[in-house]
Amino acid sequence: MVTYKFGFLILHYQVLNETIACVESIKKNISKDFEYHILIVDNHSPNQSGVQLNTLYDSDPLCTVLLLNENKGFSGGNNEGFQYLKKKLQCDFICMM
């Protein structure tokens, strides 16, 4: 049986509760048979919500928070996350949200 690794990319900017709800929705609705990882890319949120997410998910093996040191815009933030999931975590499929 072939197994695939799925990556979920959440581009985050200042909306803490919405990002947490998105992470929880993925965890609740994805089949336990899938290998997956959730990557939150904080696009240099000035309200420090990215740092809060990093603290919240620091010990979660299914979730990583990537804190960018500058706001790279929508496409730049997504590109950073895509490269991380594809090259570092070697995901076969990536869902960007």
Protein backbone atom coordinates (compact mmCIF):
# COMPACT_ATOMS: atom_id res chain seq x y z
CA MET A 1 0.00 0.00 0.00
CA VAL A 2 1.31 3.41 -0.96
CA THR A 3 1.15 6.08 1.72
CA TYR A 4 1.30 9.79 1.09
CA LYS A 5 2.16 12.66 3.39
CA PHE A 6 -0.18 15.63 3.37
CA GLY A 7 0.80 19.17 4.32
CA PHE A 8 -1.66 21.84 5.35
CA LEU A 9 -0.39 25.40 5.02
CA ILE A 10 -2.15 28.16 6.94
CA LEU A 11 -0.96 31.66 6.12
CA HIS A 12 -1.47 33.65 9.32
CA TYR A 13 -1.65 37.40 9.81
CA GLN A 14 -3.00 38.79 13.09
CA VAL A 15 -6.18 36.66 13.36
CA LEU A 16 -5.32 34.36 16.25
CA ASN A 17 -8.74 32.81 16.90
CA GLU A 18 -9.41 32.07 13.22
CA THR A 19 -6.06 30.33 12.83
CA ILE A 20 -6.61 28.21 15.95
CA ALA A 21 -10.09 27.28 14.68
CA CYS A 22 -8.58 26.26 11.33
CA VAL A 23 -5.98 24.02 13.00
CA GLU A 24 -8.62 22.40 15.19
CA SER A 25 -10.91 21.84 12.20
CA ILE A 26 -8.16 20.05 10.28
CA LYS A 27 -7.35 17.84 13.25
CA LYS A 28 -11.02 17.04 13.83
CA ASN A 29 -11.91 16.25 10.22
CA ILE A 30 -8.88 14.50 8.72
CA SER A 31 -8.82 10.75 8.80
CA LYS A 32 -6.47 9.23 11.36
CA ASP A 33 -5.22 6.98 8.55
CA PHE A 34 -3.45 9.90 6.85
CA GLU A 35 0.06 11.07 7.61
CA TYR A 36 -0.09 14.87 7.75
CA HIS A 37 1.50 18.00 9.13
CA ILE A 38 0.08 21.47 9.69
CA LEU A 39 2.32 24.47 9.01
CA ILE A 40 1.31 27.92 10.18
CA VAL A 41 3.27 30.67 8.45
CA ASP A 42 3.11 33.90 10.42
CA ASN A 43 3.55 36.75 7.94
CA HIS A 44 5.26 39.00 10.53
CA SER A 45 2.10 39.89 12.48
CA PRO A 46 2.69 43.16 14.37
CA ASN A 47 0.29 42.09 17.15
CA GLN A 48 2.58 39.20 18.17
CA SER A 49 -0.12 36.61 17.45
CA GLY A 50 2.45 34.50 15.60
CA VAL A 51 4.54 34.30 18.75
CA GLN A 52 1.42 33.26 20.68
CA LEU A 53 0.75 30.49 18.13
CA ASN A 54 4.35 29.37 18.36
CA THR A 55 3.97 29.02 22.14
CA LEU A 56 0.61 27.27 21.81
CA TYR A 57 1.80 24.66 19.29
CA ASP A 58 5.40 24.32 20.43
CA SER A 59 4.90 20.82 21.84
CA ASP A 60 2.48 19.62 19.14
CA PRO A 61 4.24 17.12 16.84
CA LEU A 62 1.62 17.64 14.11
CA CYS A 63 1.99 21.40 13.93
CA THR A 64 4.84 23.82 13.20
CA VAL A 65 4.81 27.63 13.32
CA LEU A 66 7.16 29.41 10.96
CA LEU A 67 7.75 33.03 12.02
CA LEU A 68 8.80 35.23 9.10
CA ASN A 69 11.05 38.20 9.89
CA GLU A 70 9.23 40.40 7.37
CA ASN A 71 5.80 40.50 5.75
CA LYS A 72 6.25 38.85 2.37
CA GLY A 73 2.70 39.38 1.18
CA PHE A 74 0.21 36.69 0.27
CA SER A 75 2.24 34.94 -2.41
CA GLY A 76 5.60 35.33 -0.63
CA GLY A 77 4.26 33.89 2.62
CA ASN A 78 2.65 30.97 0.80
CA ASN A 79 5.85 30.33 -1.16
CA GLU A 80 7.89 30.17 2.06
CA GLY A 81 5.45 27.66 3.52
CA PHE A 82 5.28 25.59 0.34
CA GLN A 83 9.07 25.29 0.19
CA TYR A 84 9.19 24.23 3.86
CA LEU A 85 6.53 21.55 3.40
CA LYS A 86 7.92 20.26 0.11
CA LYS A 87 11.66 20.32 0.78
CA LYS A 88 12.01 19.98 4.56
CA LEU A 89 9.02 17.77 5.38
CA GLN A 90 8.80 16.12 1.95
CA CYS A 91 5.01 16.29 1.69
CA ASP A 92 3.45 14.67 -1.35
CA PHE A 93 0.35 16.87 -1.34
CA ILE A 94 0.02 20.41 -0.02
CA CYS A 95 -3.24 22.19 0.75
CA MET A 96 -2.82 25.97 1.05
CA MET A 97 -5.44 27.91 2.96
